[in-house]
């Protein structure tokens, strides 16, 4: 947040100031509020098991959080894909005559669908 943003919001809130000292105090107050909000977000991230990185702003923290969530989802997708492949391996598709393969493929598909119900 820039000093211009802070002063604009102060004007919108009806705060009036007359000196550069008051402007400095207003800017310092806004920085303290922003730091407190950033710390609340960082505390929540840590409590949920996410790293906070070197986030100096709320935007940095949210960006870092988004990256961690995205990477976590990618890992979950890979793990689920491997588990589904194991379900198919368990049907022994590759050792069956062609006439039995269709039933085995359906069994494999049913096993994969059953995974989403657990």
PDB file of N, CA and C in Angstrom:
ATOM      1  N   UNK A   1       0.840  -1.163   0.000  1.00  0.00           N
ATOM      2  CA  UNK A   1       0.000   0.000   0.000  1.00  0.00           C
ATOM      3  C   UNK A   1       0.888   1.230   0.000  1.00  0.00           C
ATOM      4  N   UNK A   2       0.608   2.114  -0.906  1.00  0.00           N
ATOM      5  CA  UNK A   2       1.432   3.324  -1.007  1.00  0.00           C
ATOM      6  C   UNK A   2       0.917   4.402  -0.061  1.00  0.00           C
ATOM      7  N   UNK A   3       1.745   5.427   0.148  1.00  0.00           N
ATOM      8  CA  UNK A   3       1.339   6.544   0.993  1.00  0.00           C
ATOM      9  C   UNK A   3       0.117   7.231   0.392  1.00  0.00           C
ATOM     10  N   UNK A   4       0.061   7.323  -0.930  1.00  0.00           N
ATOM     11  CA  UNK A   4      -1.098   7.933  -1.578  1.00  0.00           C
ATOM     12  C   UNK A   4      -2.368   7.138  -1.281  1.00  0.00           C
ATOM     13  N   UNK A   5      -2.261   5.786  -1.279  1.00  0.00           N
ATOM     14  CA  UNK A   5      -3.411   4.947  -0.941  1.00  0.00           C
ATOM     15  C   UNK A   5      -3.882   5.234   0.486  1.00  0.00           C
ATOM     16  N   UNK A   6      -2.922   5.320   1.400  1.00  0.00           N
ATOM     17  CA  UNK A   6      -3.257   5.570   2.802  1.00  0.00           C
ATOM     18  C   UNK A   6      -3.947   6.915   2.962  1.00  0.00           C
ATOM     19  N   UNK A   7      -3.411   7.941   2.339  1.00  0.00           N
ATOM     20  CA  UNK A   7      -4.000   9.268   2.446  1.00  0.00           C
ATOM     21  C   UNK A   7      -5.381   9.320   1.793  1.00  0.00           C
ATOM     22  N   UNK A   8      -5.549   8.643   0.679  1.00  0.00           N
ATOM     23  CA  UNK A   8      -6.851   8.602   0.017  1.00  0.00           C
ATOM     24  C   UNK A   8      -7.879   7.946   0.933  1.00  0.00           C
ATOM     25  N   UNK A   9      -7.519   6.812   1.548  1.00  0.00           N
ATOM     26  CA  UNK A   9      -8.441   6.128   2.451  1.00  0.00           C
ATOM     27  C   UNK A   9      -8.741   6.980   3.678  1.00  0.00           C
ATOM     28  N   UNK A  10      -7.734   7.693   4.170  1.00  0.00           N
ATOM     29  CA  UNK A  10      -7.955   8.585   5.319  1.00  0.00           C
ATOM     30  C   UNK A  10      -8.956   9.668   4.955  1.00  0.00           C
ATOM     31  N   UNK A  11      -8.815  10.246   3.760  1.00  0.00           N
ATOM     32  CA  UNK A  11      -9.770  11.269   3.318  1.00  0.00           C
ATOM     33  C   UNK A  11     -11.170  10.676   3.206  1.00  0.00           C
ATOM     34  N   UNK A  12     -11.256   9.445   2.640  1.00  0.00           N
ATOM     35  CA  UNK A  12     -12.559   8.790   2.509  1.00  0.00           C
ATOM     36  C   UNK A  12     -13.185   8.528   3.875  1.00  0.00           C
ATOM     37  N   UNK A  13     -12.349   8.265   4.887  1.00  0.00           N
ATOM     38  CA  UNK A  13     -12.841   8.008   6.242  1.00  0.00           C
ATOM     39  C   UNK A  13     -13.154   9.301   6.985  1.00  0.00           C
ATOM     40  N   UNK A  14     -12.823  10.444   6.397  1.00  0.00           N
ATOM     41  CA  UNK A  14     -13.094  11.728   7.025  1.00  0.00           C
ATOM     42  C   UNK A  14     -11.995  12.201   7.957  1.00  0.00           C
ATOM     43  N   UNK A  15     -10.822  11.585   7.885  1.00  0.00           N
ATOM     44  CA  UNK A  15      -9.698  12.010   8.722  1.00  0.00           C
ATOM     45  C   UNK A  15      -9.037  13.224   8.065  1.00  0.00           C
ATOM     46  N   UNK A  16      -8.816  14.243   8.856  1.00  0.00           N
ATOM     47  CA  UNK A  16      -8.199  15.475   8.347  1.00  0.00           C
ATOM     48  C   UNK A  16      -6.856  15.651   9.048  1.00  0.00           C
ATOM     49  N   UNK A  17      -5.830  16.062   8.304  1.00  0.00           N
ATOM     50  CA  UNK A  17      -4.519  16.311   8.882  1.00  0.00           C
ATOM     51  C   UNK A  17      -3.973  17.615   8.310  1.00  0.00           C
ATOM     52  N   UNK A  18      -3.057  18.212   9.062  1.00  0.00           N
ATOM     53  CA  UNK A  18      -2.573  19.521   8.667  1.00  0.00           C
ATOM     54  C   UNK A  18      -1.074  19.579   8.477  1.00  0.00           C
ATOM     55  N   UNK A  19      -0.368  18.564   8.956  1.00  0.00           N
ATOM     56  CA  UNK A  19       1.083  18.673   8.886  1.00  0.00           C
ATOM     57  C   UNK A  19       1.690  17.375   8.377  1.00  0.00           C
ATOM     58  N   UNK A  20       2.955  17.472   7.980  1.00  0.00           N
ATOM     59  CA  UNK A  20       3.658  16.280   7.519  1.00  0.00           C
ATOM     60  C   UNK A  20       3.876  15.315   8.678  1.00  0.00           C
ATOM     61  N   UNK A  21       3.980  15.827   9.914  1.00  0.00           N
ATOM     62  CA  UNK A  21       4.111  14.944  11.076  1.00  0.00           C
ATOM     63  C   UNK A  21       2.867  14.068  11.228  1.00  0.00           C
ATOM     64  N   UNK A  22       1.711  14.672  11.033  1.00  0.00           N
ATOM     65  CA  UNK A  22       0.476  13.903  11.127  1.00  0.00           C
ATOM     66  C   UNK A  22       0.378  12.890   9.988  1.00  0.00           C
ATOM     67  N   UNK A  23       0.827  13.261   8.814  1.00  0.00           N
ATOM     68  CA  UNK A  23       0.841  12.342   7.685  1.00  0.00           C
ATOM     69  C   UNK A  23       1.759  11.165   7.981  1.00  0.00           C
ATOM     70  N   UNK A  24       2.925  11.443   8.564  1.00  0.00           N
ATOM     71  CA  UNK A  24       3.849  10.377   8.934  1.00  0.00           C
ATOM     72  C   UNK A  24       3.187   9.439   9.940  1.00  0.00           C
ATOM     73  N   UNK A  25       2.509   9.987  10.956  1.00  0.00           N
ATOM     74  CA  UNK A  25       1.851   9.160  11.965  1.00  0.00           C
ATOM     75  C   UNK A  25       0.742   8.308  11.349  1.00  0.00           C
ATOM     76  N   UNK A  26      -0.005   8.891  10.434  1.00  0.00           N
ATOM     77  CA  UNK A  26      -1.065   8.158   9.759  1.00  0.00           C
ATOM     78  C   UNK A  26      -0.476   7.008   8.933  1.00  0.00           C
ATOM     79  N   UNK A  27       0.598   7.280   8.232  1.00  0.00           N
ATOM     80  CA  UNK A  27       1.260   6.257   7.433  1.00  0.00           C
ATOM     81  C   UNK A  27       1.822   5.152   8.331  1.00  0.00           C
ATOM     82  N   UNK A  28       2.417   5.547   9.444  1.00  0.00           N
ATOM     83  CA  UNK A  28       2.957   4.561  10.399  1.00  0.00           C
ATOM     84  C   UNK A  28       1.838   3.696  10.972  1.00  0.00           C
ATOM     85  N   UNK A  29       0.703   4.316  11.319  1.00  0.00           N
ATOM     86  CA  UNK A  29      -0.440   3.572  11.830  1.00  0.00           C
ATOM     87  C   UNK A  29      -0.921   2.553  10.800  1.00  0.00           C
ATOM     88  N   UNK A  30      -1.042   2.973   9.551  1.00  0.00           N
ATOM     89  CA  UNK A  30      -1.479   2.063   8.483  1.00  0.00           C
ATOM     90  C   UNK A  30      -0.497   0.911   8.322  1.00  0.00           C
ATOM     91  N   UNK A  31       0.793   1.169   8.468  1.00  0.00           N
ATOM     92  CA  UNK A  31       1.801   0.107   8.371  1.00  0.00           C
ATOM     93  C   UNK A  31       1.643  -0.898   9.502  1.00  0.00           C
ATOM     94  N   UNK A  32       1.345  -0.418  10.696  1.00  0.00           N
ATOM     95  CA  UNK A  32       1.146  -1.309  11.843  1.00  0.00           C
ATOM     96  C   UNK A  32      -0.097  -2.183  11.657  1.00  0.00           C
ATOM     97  N   UNK A  33      -1.158  -1.591  11.132  1.00  0.00           N
ATOM     98  CA  UNK A  33      -2.376  -2.362  10.868  1.00  0.00           C
ATOM     99  C   UNK A  33      -2.093  -3.437   9.819  1.00  0.00           C
ATOM    100  N   UNK A  34      -1.407  -3.062   8.749  1.00  0.00           N
ATOM    101  CA  UNK A  34      -1.081  -4.016   7.687  1.00  0.00           C
ATOM    102  C   UNK A  34      -0.195  -5.142   8.225  1.00  0.00           C
ATOM    103  N   UNK A  35       0.777  -4.813   9.079  1.00  0.00           N
ATOM    104  CA  UNK A  35       1.664  -5.830   9.654  1.00  0.00           C
ATOM    105  C   UNK A  35       0.877  -6.789  10.547  1.00  0.00           C
ATOM    106  N   UNK A  36      -0.083  -6.262  11.298  1.00  0.00           N
ATOM    107  CA  UNK A  36      -0.901  -7.117  12.163  1.00  0.00           C
ATOM    108  C   UNK A  36      -1.745  -8.080  11.328  1.00  0.00           C
ATOM    109  N   UNK A  37      -2.316  -7.588  10.244  1.00  0.00           N
ATOM    110  CA  UNK A  37      -3.100  -8.449   9.365  1.00  0.00           C
ATOM    111  C   UNK A  37      -2.224  -9.498   8.691  1.00  0.00           C
ATOM    112  N   UNK A  38      -1.032  -9.102   8.272  1.00  0.00           N
ATOM    113  CA  UNK A  38      -0.098 -10.049   7.658  1.00  0.00           C
ATOM    114  C   UNK A  38       0.266 -11.131   8.657  1.00  0.00           C
ATOM    115  N   UNK A  39       0.502 -10.758   9.903  1.00  0.00           N
ATOM    116  CA  UNK A  39       0.880 -11.731  10.930  1.00  0.00           C
ATOM    117  C   UNK A  39      -0.263 -12.703  11.212  1.00  0.00           C
ATOM    118  N   UNK A  40      -1.506 -12.214  11.181  1.00  0.00           N
ATOM    119  CA  UNK A  40      -2.649 -13.121  11.365  1.00  0.00           C
ATOM    120  C   UNK A  40      -2.681 -14.170  10.262  1.00  0.00           C
ATOM    121  N   UNK A  41      -2.468 -13.737   9.021  1.00  0.00           N
ATOM    122  CA  UNK A  41      -2.453 -14.680   7.905  1.00  0.00           C
ATOM    123  C   UNK A  41      -1.281 -15.650   8.032  1.00  0.00           C
ATOM    124  N   UNK A  42      -0.101 -15.142   8.377  1.00  0.00           N
ATOM    125  CA  UNK A  42       1.074 -16.007   8.535  1.00  0.00           C
ATOM    126  C   UNK A  42       0.838 -17.030   9.647  1.00  0.00           C
ATOM    127  N   UNK A  43       0.226 -16.604  10.752  1.00  0.00           N
ATOM    128  CA  UNK A  43      -0.064 -17.522  11.860  1.00  0.00           C
ATOM    129  C   UNK A  43      -1.012 -18.627  11.393  1.00  0.00           C
ATOM    130  N   UNK A  44      -2.061 -18.251  10.652  1.00  0.00           N
ATOM    131  CA  UNK A  44      -2.995 -19.243  10.144  1.00  0.00           C
ATOM    132  C   UNK A  44      -2.293 -20.228   9.217  1.00  0.00           C
ATOM    133  N   UNK A  45      -1.446 -19.702   8.312  1.00  0.00           N
ATOM    134  CA  UNK A  45      -0.733 -20.585   7.386  1.00  0.00           C
ATOM    135  C   UNK A  45       0.117 -21.592   8.154  1.00  0.00           C
ATOM    136  N   UNK A  46       0.855 -21.102   9.159  1.00  0.00           N
ATOM    137  CA  UNK A  46       1.695 -22.015   9.948  1.00  0.00           C
ATOM    138  C   UNK A  46       0.850 -23.040  10.693  1.00  0.00           C
ATOM    139  N   UNK A  47      -0.296 -22.606  11.240  1.00  0.00           N
ATOM    140  CA  UNK A  47      -1.147 -23.532  11.994  1.00  0.00           C
ATOM    141  C   UNK A  47      -1.740 -24.612  11.092  1.00  0.00           C
ATOM    142  N   UNK A  48      -1.875 -24.323   9.806  1.00  0.00           N
ATOM    143  CA  UNK A  48      -2.404 -25.290   8.853  1.00  0.00           C
ATOM    144  C   UNK A  48      -1.305 -26.114   8.182  1.00  0.00           C
ATOM    145  N   UNK A  49      -0.060 -25.886   8.576  1.00  0.00           N
ATOM    146  CA  UNK A  49       1.045 -26.669   8.038  1.00  0.00           C
ATOM    147  C   UNK A  49       1.675 -26.108   6.779  1.00  0.00           C
ATOM    148  N   UNK A  50       1.344 -24.878   6.433  1.00  0.00           N
ATOM    149  CA  UNK A  50       1.943 -24.251   5.258  1.00  0.00           C
ATOM    150  C   UNK A  50       3.141 -23.408   5.683  1.00  0.00           C
ATOM    151  N   UNK A  51       4.119 -23.305   4.795  1.00  0.00           N
ATOM    152  CA  UNK A  51       5.278 -22.442   5.044  1.00  0.00           C
ATOM    153  C   UNK A  51       4.907 -21.020   4.648  1.00  0.00           C
ATOM    154  N   UNK A  52       5.498 -20.050   5.322  1.00  0.00           N
ATOM    155  CA  UNK A  52       5.205 -18.655   4.988  1.00  0.00           C
ATOM    156  C   UNK A  52       6.250 -18.057   4.068  1.00  0.00           C
ATOM    157  N   UNK A  53       7.357 -18.742   3.875  1.00  0.00           N
ATOM    158  CA  UNK A  53       8.384 -18.218   2.980  1.00  0.00           C
ATOM    159  C   UNK A  53       8.910 -16.894   3.474  1.00  0.00           C
ATOM    160  N   UNK A  54       9.171 -16.018   2.554  1.00  0.00           N
ATOM    161  CA  UNK A  54       9.684 -14.690   2.894  1.00  0.00           C
ATOM    162  C   UNK A  54       8.650 -13.633   2.523  1.00  0.00           C
ATOM    163  N   UNK A  55       7.366 -13.942   2.819  1.00  0.00           N
ATOM    164  CA  UNK A  55       6.297 -13.028   2.447  1.00  0.00           C
ATOM    165  C   UNK A  55       6.325 -11.752   3.267  1.00  0.00           C
ATOM    166  N   UNK A  56       6.623 -10.653   2.609  1.00  0.00           N
ATOM    167  CA  UNK A  56       6.650  -9.359   3.289  1.00  0.00           C
ATOM    168  C   UNK A  56       5.291  -8.673   3.270  1.00  0.00           C
ATOM    169  N   UNK A  57       4.402  -9.132   2.385  1.00  0.00           N
ATOM    170  CA  UNK A  57       3.075  -8.536   2.297  1.00  0.00           C
ATOM    171  C   UNK A  57       2.038  -9.654   2.286  1.00  0.00           C
ATOM    172  N   UNK A  58       0.785  -9.288   2.481  1.00  0.00           N
ATOM    173  CA  UNK A  58      -0.288 -10.275   2.408  1.00  0.00           C
ATOM    174  C   UNK A  58      -0.326 -10.884   1.016  1.00  0.00           C
ATOM    175  N   UNK A  59      -0.098 -10.073   0.001  1.00  0.00           N
ATOM    176  CA  UNK A  59      -0.100 -10.581  -1.373  1.00  0.00           C
ATOM    177  C   UNK A  59       0.992 -11.633  -1.571  1.00  0.00           C
ATOM    178  N   UNK A  60       2.178 -11.399  -0.996  1.00  0.00           N
ATOM    179  CA  UNK A  60       3.268 -12.381  -1.080  1.00  0.00           C
ATOM    180  C   UNK A  60       2.857 -13.687  -0.409  1.00  0.00           C
ATOM    181  N   UNK A  61       2.252 -13.568   0.776  1.00  0.00           N
ATOM    182  CA  UNK A  61       1.831 -14.764   1.507  1.00  0.00           C
ATOM    183  C   UNK A  61       0.773 -15.541   0.729  1.00  0.00           C
ATOM    184  N   UNK A  62      -0.208 -14.839   0.183  1.00  0.00           N
ATOM    185  CA  UNK A  62      -1.253 -15.512  -0.575  1.00  0.00           C
ATOM    186  C   UNK A  62      -0.702 -16.173  -1.825  1.00  0.00           C
ATOM    187  N   UNK A  63       0.234 -15.531  -2.484  1.00  0.00           N
ATOM    188  CA  UNK A  63       0.868 -16.116  -3.657  1.00  0.00           C
ATOM    189  C   UNK A  63       1.613 -17.395  -3.279  1.00  0.00           C
ATOM    190  N   UNK A  64       2.358 -17.333  -2.179  1.00  0.00           N
ATOM    191  CA  UNK A  64       3.107 -18.496  -1.695  1.00  0.00           C
ATOM    192  C   UNK A  64       2.147 -19.621  -1.296  1.00  0.00           C
ATOM    193  N   UNK A  65       1.051 -19.272  -0.639  1.00  0.00           N
ATOM    194  CA  UNK A  65       0.053 -20.258  -0.245  1.00  0.00           C
ATOM    195  C   UNK A  65      -0.556 -20.929  -1.474  1.00  0.00           C
ATOM    196  N   UNK A  66      -0.894 -20.136  -2.490  1.00  0.00           N
ATOM    197  CA  UNK A  66      -1.451 -20.693  -3.721  1.00  0.00           C
ATOM    198  C   UNK A  66      -0.510 -21.683  -4.383  1.00  0.00           C
ATOM    199  N   UNK A  67       0.771 -21.356  -4.387  1.00  0.00           N
ATOM    200  CA  UNK A  67       1.766 -22.265  -4.967  1.00  0.00           C
ATOM    201  C   UNK A  67       1.814 -23.574  -4.187  1.00  0.00           C
ATOM    202  N   UNK A  68       1.804 -23.478  -2.859  1.00  0.00           N
ATOM    203  CA  UNK A  68       1.866 -24.691  -2.037  1.00  0.00           C
ATOM    204  C   UNK A  68       0.622 -25.563  -2.228  1.00  0.00           C
ATOM    205  N   UNK A  69      -0.537 -24.936  -2.324  1.00  0.00           N
ATOM    206  CA  UNK A  69      -1.774 -25.699  -2.529  1.00  0.00           C
ATOM    207  C   UNK A  69      -1.736 -26.376  -3.888  1.00  0.00           C
ATOM    208  N   UNK A  70      -1.308 -25.648  -4.909  1.00  0.00           N
ATOM    209  CA  UNK A  70      -1.219 -26.208  -6.251  1.00  0.00           C
ATOM    210  C   UNK A  70      -0.271 -27.403  -6.289  1.00  0.00           C
ATOM    211  N   UNK A  71       0.899 -27.250  -5.660  1.00  0.00           N
ATOM    212  CA  UNK A  71       1.864 -28.350  -5.633  1.00  0.00           C
ATOM    213  C   UNK A  71       1.307 -29.536  -4.858  1.00  0.00           C
ATOM    214  N   UNK A  72       0.584 -29.275  -3.782  1.00  0.00           N
ATOM    215  CA  UNK A  72      -0.018 -30.350  -2.997  1.00  0.00           C
ATOM    216  C   UNK A  72      -1.052 -31.112  -3.795  1.00  0.00           C
ATOM    217  N   UNK A  73      -1.853 -30.397  -4.588  1.00  0.00           N
ATOM    218  CA  UNK A  73      -2.854 -31.051  -5.419  1.00  0.00           C
ATOM    219  C   UNK A  73      -2.198 -31.910  -6.485  1.00  0.00           C
ATOM    220  N   UNK A  74      -1.098 -31.421  -7.053  1.00  0.00           N
ATOM    221  CA  UNK A  74      -0.384 -32.208  -8.063  1.00  0.00           C
ATOM    222  C   UNK A  74       0.104 -33.522  -7.468  1.00  0.00           C
ATOM    223  N   UNK A  75       0.627 -33.489  -6.248  1.00  0.00           N
ATOM    224  CA  UNK A  75       1.101 -34.701  -5.584  1.00  0.00           C
ATOM    225  C   UNK A  75      -0.069 -35.651  -5.343  1.00  0.00           C
ATOM    226  N   UNK A  76      -1.206 -35.109  -4.881  1.00  0.00           N
ATOM    227  CA  UNK A  76      -2.379 -35.949  -4.637  1.00  0.00           C
ATOM    228  C   UNK A  76      -2.864 -36.608  -5.924  1.00  0.00           C
ATOM    229  N   UNK A  77      -2.845 -35.865  -7.020  1.00  0.00           N
ATOM    230  CA  UNK A  77      -3.279 -36.432  -8.307  1.00  0.00           C
ATOM    231  C   UNK A  77      -2.341 -37.562  -8.719  1.00  0.00           C
ATOM    232  N   UNK A  78      -1.043 -37.361  -8.574  1.00  0.00           N
ATOM    233  CA  UNK A  78      -0.088 -38.416  -8.934  1.00  0.00           C
ATOM    234  C   UNK A  78      -0.273 -39.649  -8.056  1.00  0.00           C
ATOM    235  N   UNK A  79      -0.512 -39.443  -6.766  1.00  0.00           N
ATOM    236  CA  UNK A  79      -0.720 -40.580  -5.863  1.00  0.00           C
ATOM    237  C   UNK A  79      -2.001 -41.338  -6.228  1.00  0.00           C
ATOM    238  N   UNK A  80      -3.058 -40.601  -6.558  1.00  0.00           N
ATOM    239  CA  UNK A  80      -4.314 -41.250  -6.946  1.00  0.00           C
ATOM    240  C   UNK A  80      -4.148 -41.998  -8.272  1.00  0.00           C
ATOM    241  N   UNK A  81      -3.415 -41.409  -9.200  1.00  0.00           N
ATOM    242  CA  UNK A  81      -3.169 -42.075 -10.476  1.00  0.00           C
ATOM    243  C   UNK A  81      -2.441 -43.407 -10.267  1.00  0.00           C
ATOM    244  N   UNK A  82      -1.438 -43.399  -9.406  1.00  0.00           N
ATOM    245  CA  UNK A  82      -0.696 -44.627  -9.121  1.00  0.00           C
ATOM    246  C   UNK A  82      -1.583 -45.662  -8.443  1.00  0.00           C
ATOM    247  N   UNK A  83      -2.431 -45.213  -7.525  1.00  0.00           N
ATOM    248  CA  UNK A  83      -3.339 -46.139  -6.846  1.00  0.00           C
ATOM    249  C   UNK A  83      -4.316 -46.768  -7.846  1.00  0.00           C
ATOM    250  N   UNK A  84      -4.800 -45.984  -8.799  1.00  0.00           N
ATOM    251  CA  UNK A  84      -5.688 -46.517  -9.828  1.00  0.00           C
ATOM    252  C   UNK A  84      -4.958 -47.525 -10.715  1.00  0.00           C
ATOM    253  N   UNK A  85      -3.723 -47.223 -11.052  1.00  0.00           N
ATOM    254  CA  UNK A  85      -2.928 -48.173 -11.851  1.00  0.00           C
ATOM    255  C   UNK A  85      -2.761 -49.484 -11.097  1.00  0.00           C
ATOM    256  N   UNK A  86      -2.567 -49.413  -9.781  1.00  0.00           N
ATOM    257  CA  UNK A  86      -2.433 -50.633  -8.973  1.00  0.00           C
ATOM    258  C   UNK A  86      -3.734 -51.426  -8.971  1.00  0.00           C
ATOM    259  N   UNK A  87      -4.881 -50.732  -8.980  1.00  0.00           N
ATOM    260  CA  UNK A  87      -6.175 -51.427  -9.063  1.00  0.00           C
ATOM    261  C   UNK A  87      -6.243 -52.223 -10.362  1.00  0.00           C
ATOM    262  N   UNK A  88      -5.794 -51.595 -11.453  1.00  0.00           N
ATOM    263  CA  UNK A  88      -5.800 -52.300 -12.740  1.00  0.00           C
ATOM    264  C   UNK A  88      -4.798 -53.458 -12.745  1.00  0.00           C
ATOM    265  N   UNK A  89      -3.625 -53.221 -12.153  1.00  0.00           N
ATOM    266  CA  UNK A  89      -2.630 -54.306 -12.067  1.00  0.00           C
ATOM    267  C   UNK A  89      -3.201 -55.492 -11.301  1.00  0.00           C
ATOM    268  N   UNK A  90      -4.010 -55.219 -10.291  1.00  0.00           N
ATOM    269  CA  UNK A  90      -4.568 -56.291  -9.469  1.00  0.00           C
ATOM    270  C   UNK A  90      -5.544 -57.161 -10.246  1.00  0.00           C
ATOM    271  N   UNK A  91      -6.087 -56.674 -11.354  1.00  0.00           N
ATOM    272  CA  UNK A  91      -7.014 -57.489 -12.158  1.00  0.00           C
ATOM    273  C   UNK A  91      -6.261 -58.437 -13.081  1.00  0.00           C
ATOM    274  N   UNK A  92      -4.937 -58.327 -13.148  1.00  0.00           N
ATOM    275  CA  UNK A  92      -4.111 -59.181 -14.007  1.00  0.00           C
ATOM    276  C   UNK A  92      -4.552 -59.136 -15.467  1.00  0.00           C
ATOM    277  N   UNK A  93      -4.867 -57.948 -15.953  1.00  0.00           N
ATOM    278  CA  UNK A  93      -5.315 -57.774 -17.339  1.00  0.00           C
ATOM    279  C   UNK A  93      -4.355 -58.393 -18.348  1.00  0.00           C
ATOM    280  N   UNK A  94      -3.078 -58.291 -18.063  1.00  0.00           N
ATOM    281  CA  UNK A  94      -2.088 -58.671 -19.058  1.00  0.00           C
ATOM    282  C   UNK A  94      -1.904 -60.176 -19.176  1.00  0.00           C
ATOM    283  N   UNK A  95      -2.469 -60.925 -18.250  1.00  0.00           N
ATOM    284  CA  UNK A  95      -2.319 -62.379 -18.280  1.00  0.00           C
ATOM    285  C   UNK A  95      -3.576 -63.080 -18.756  1.00  0.00           C
ATOM    286  N   UNK A  96      -4.554 -62.354 -19.266  1.00  0.00           N
ATOM    287  CA  UNK A  96      -5.839 -62.945 -19.629  1.00  0.00           C
ATOM    288  C   UNK A  96      -5.965 -63.099 -21.140  1.00  0.00           C
ATOM    289  N   UNK A  97      -6.731 -64.087 -21.553  1.00  0.00           N
ATOM    290  CA  UNK A  97      -7.029 -64.184 -22.976  1.00  0.00           C
ATOM    291  C   UNK A  97      -7.932 -63.017 -23.390  1.00  0.00           C
ATOM    292  N   UNK A  98      -7.926 -62.696 -24.656  1.00  0.00           N
ATOM    293  CA  UNK A  98      -8.659 -61.533 -25.155  1.00  0.00           C
ATOM    294  C   UNK A  98     -10.141 -61.618 -24.813  1.00  0.00           C
ATOM    295  N   UNK A  99     -10.726 -62.783 -24.827  1.00  0.00           N
ATOM    296  CA  UNK A  99     -12.165 -62.911 -24.557  1.00  0.00           C
ATOM    297  C   UNK A  99     -12.517 -62.495 -23.130  1.00  0.00           C
ATOM    298  N   UNK A 100     -11.580 -62.555 -22.223  1.00  0.00           N
ATOM    299  CA  UNK A 100     -11.848 -62.218 -20.827  1.00  0.00           C
ATOM    300  C   UNK A 100     -11.482 -60.758 -20.516  1.00  0.00           C
ATOM    301  N   UNK A 101     -10.725 -60.137 -21.409  1.00  0.00           N
ATOM    302  CA  UNK A 101     -10.224 -58.781 -21.151  1.00  0.00           C
ATOM    303  C   UNK A 101     -11.332 -57.765 -20.919  1.00  0.00           C
ATOM    304  N   UNK A 102     -12.415 -57.834 -21.673  1.00  0.00           N
ATOM    305  CA  UNK A 102     -13.482 -56.838 -21.531  1.00  0.00           C
ATOM    306  C   UNK A 102     -14.047 -56.871 -20.118  1.00  0.00           C
ATOM    307  N   UNK A 103     -14.320 -58.033 -19.603  1.00  0.00           N
ATOM    308  CA  UNK A 103     -14.840 -58.150 -18.244  1.00  0.00           C
ATOM    309  C   UNK A 103     -13.813 -57.639 -17.238  1.00  0.00           C
ATOM    310  N   UNK A 104     -12.553 -57.921 -17.477  1.00  0.00           N
ATOM    311  CA  UNK A 104     -11.498 -57.469 -16.570  1.00  0.00           C
ATOM    312  C   UNK A 104     -11.360 -55.954 -16.607  1.00  0.00           C
ATOM    313  N   UNK A 105     -11.504 -55.383 -17.784  1.00  0.00           N
ATOM    314  CA  UNK A 105     -11.436 -53.918 -17.910  1.00  0.00           C
ATOM    315  C   UNK A 105     -12.593 -53.287 -17.149  1.00  0.00           C
ATOM    316  N   UNK A 106     -13.788 -53.879 -17.285  1.00  0.00           N
ATOM    317  CA  UNK A 106     -14.934 -53.354 -16.533  1.00  0.00           C
ATOM    318  C   UNK A 106     -14.700 -53.485 -15.024  1.00  0.00           C
ATOM    319  N   UNK A 107     -14.095 -54.575 -14.611  1.00  0.00           N
ATOM    320  CA  UNK A 107     -13.789 -54.774 -13.184  1.00  0.00           C
ATOM    321  C   UNK A 107     -12.791 -53.708 -12.718  1.00  0.00           C
ATOM    322  N   UNK A 108     -11.803 -53.423 -13.548  1.00  0.00           N
ATOM    323  CA  UNK A 108     -10.809 -52.401 -13.218  1.00  0.00           C
ATOM    324  C   UNK A 108     -11.486 -51.040 -13.090  1.00  0.00           C
ATOM    325  N   UNK A 109     -12.366 -50.695 -14.036  1.00  0.00           N
ATOM    326  CA  UNK A 109     -13.072 -49.409 -13.992  1.00  0.00           C
ATOM    327  C   UNK A 109     -13.946 -49.325 -12.745  1.00  0.00           C
ATOM    328  N   UNK A 110     -14.604 -50.411 -12.383  1.00  0.00           N
ATOM    329  CA  UNK A 110     -15.451 -50.419 -11.181  1.00  0.00           C
ATOM    330  C   UNK A 110     -14.602 -50.217  -9.929  1.00  0.00           C
ATOM    331  N   UNK A 111     -13.420 -50.828  -9.914  1.00  0.00           N
ATOM    332  CA  UNK A 111     -12.531 -50.665  -8.751  1.00  0.00           C
ATOM    333  C   UNK A 111     -12.062 -49.222  -8.616  1.00  0.00           C
ATOM    334  N   UNK A 112     -11.775 -48.582  -9.741  1.00  0.00           N
ATOM    335  CA  UNK A 112     -11.358 -47.172  -9.704  1.00  0.00           C
ATOM    336  C   UNK A 112     -12.511 -46.295  -9.218  1.00  0.00           C
ATOM    337  N   UNK A 113     -13.718 -46.556  -9.738  1.00  0.00           N
ATOM    338  CA  UNK A 113     -14.865 -45.760  -9.304  1.00  0.00           C
ATOM    339  C   UNK A 113     -15.155 -45.975  -7.820  1.00  0.00           C
ATOM    340  N   UNK A 114     -14.951 -47.176  -7.341  1.00  0.00           N
ATOM    341  CA  UNK A 114     -15.184 -47.462  -5.920  1.00  0.00           C
ATOM    342  C   UNK A 114     -14.212 -46.679  -5.030  1.00  0.00           C
ATOM    343  N   UNK A 115     -13.056 -46.350  -5.550  1.00  0.00           N
ATOM    344  CA  UNK A 115     -12.081 -45.559  -4.776  1.00  0.00           C
ATOM    345  C   UNK A 115     -12.649 -44.196  -4.398  1.00  0.00           C
ATOM    346  N   UNK A 116     -13.458 -43.605  -5.286  1.00  0.00           N
ATOM    347  CA  UNK A 116     -13.990 -42.273  -5.000  1.00  0.00           C
ATOM    348  C   UNK A 116     -15.106 -42.317  -3.957  1.00  0.00           C
ATOM    349  N   UNK A 117     -15.601 -43.486  -3.630  1.00  0.00           N
ATOM    350  CA  UNK A 117     -16.679 -43.626  -2.641  1.00  0.00           C
ATOM    351  C   UNK A 117     -16.153 -43.873  -1.235  1.00  0.00           C
ATOM    352  N   UNK A 118     -14.826 -44.019  -1.111  1.00  0.00           N
ATOM    353  CA  UNK A 118     -14.276 -44.280   0.221  1.00  0.00           C
ATOM    354  C   UNK A 118     -13.876 -43.001   0.900  1.00  0.00           C
TER     355      UNK A 118
END
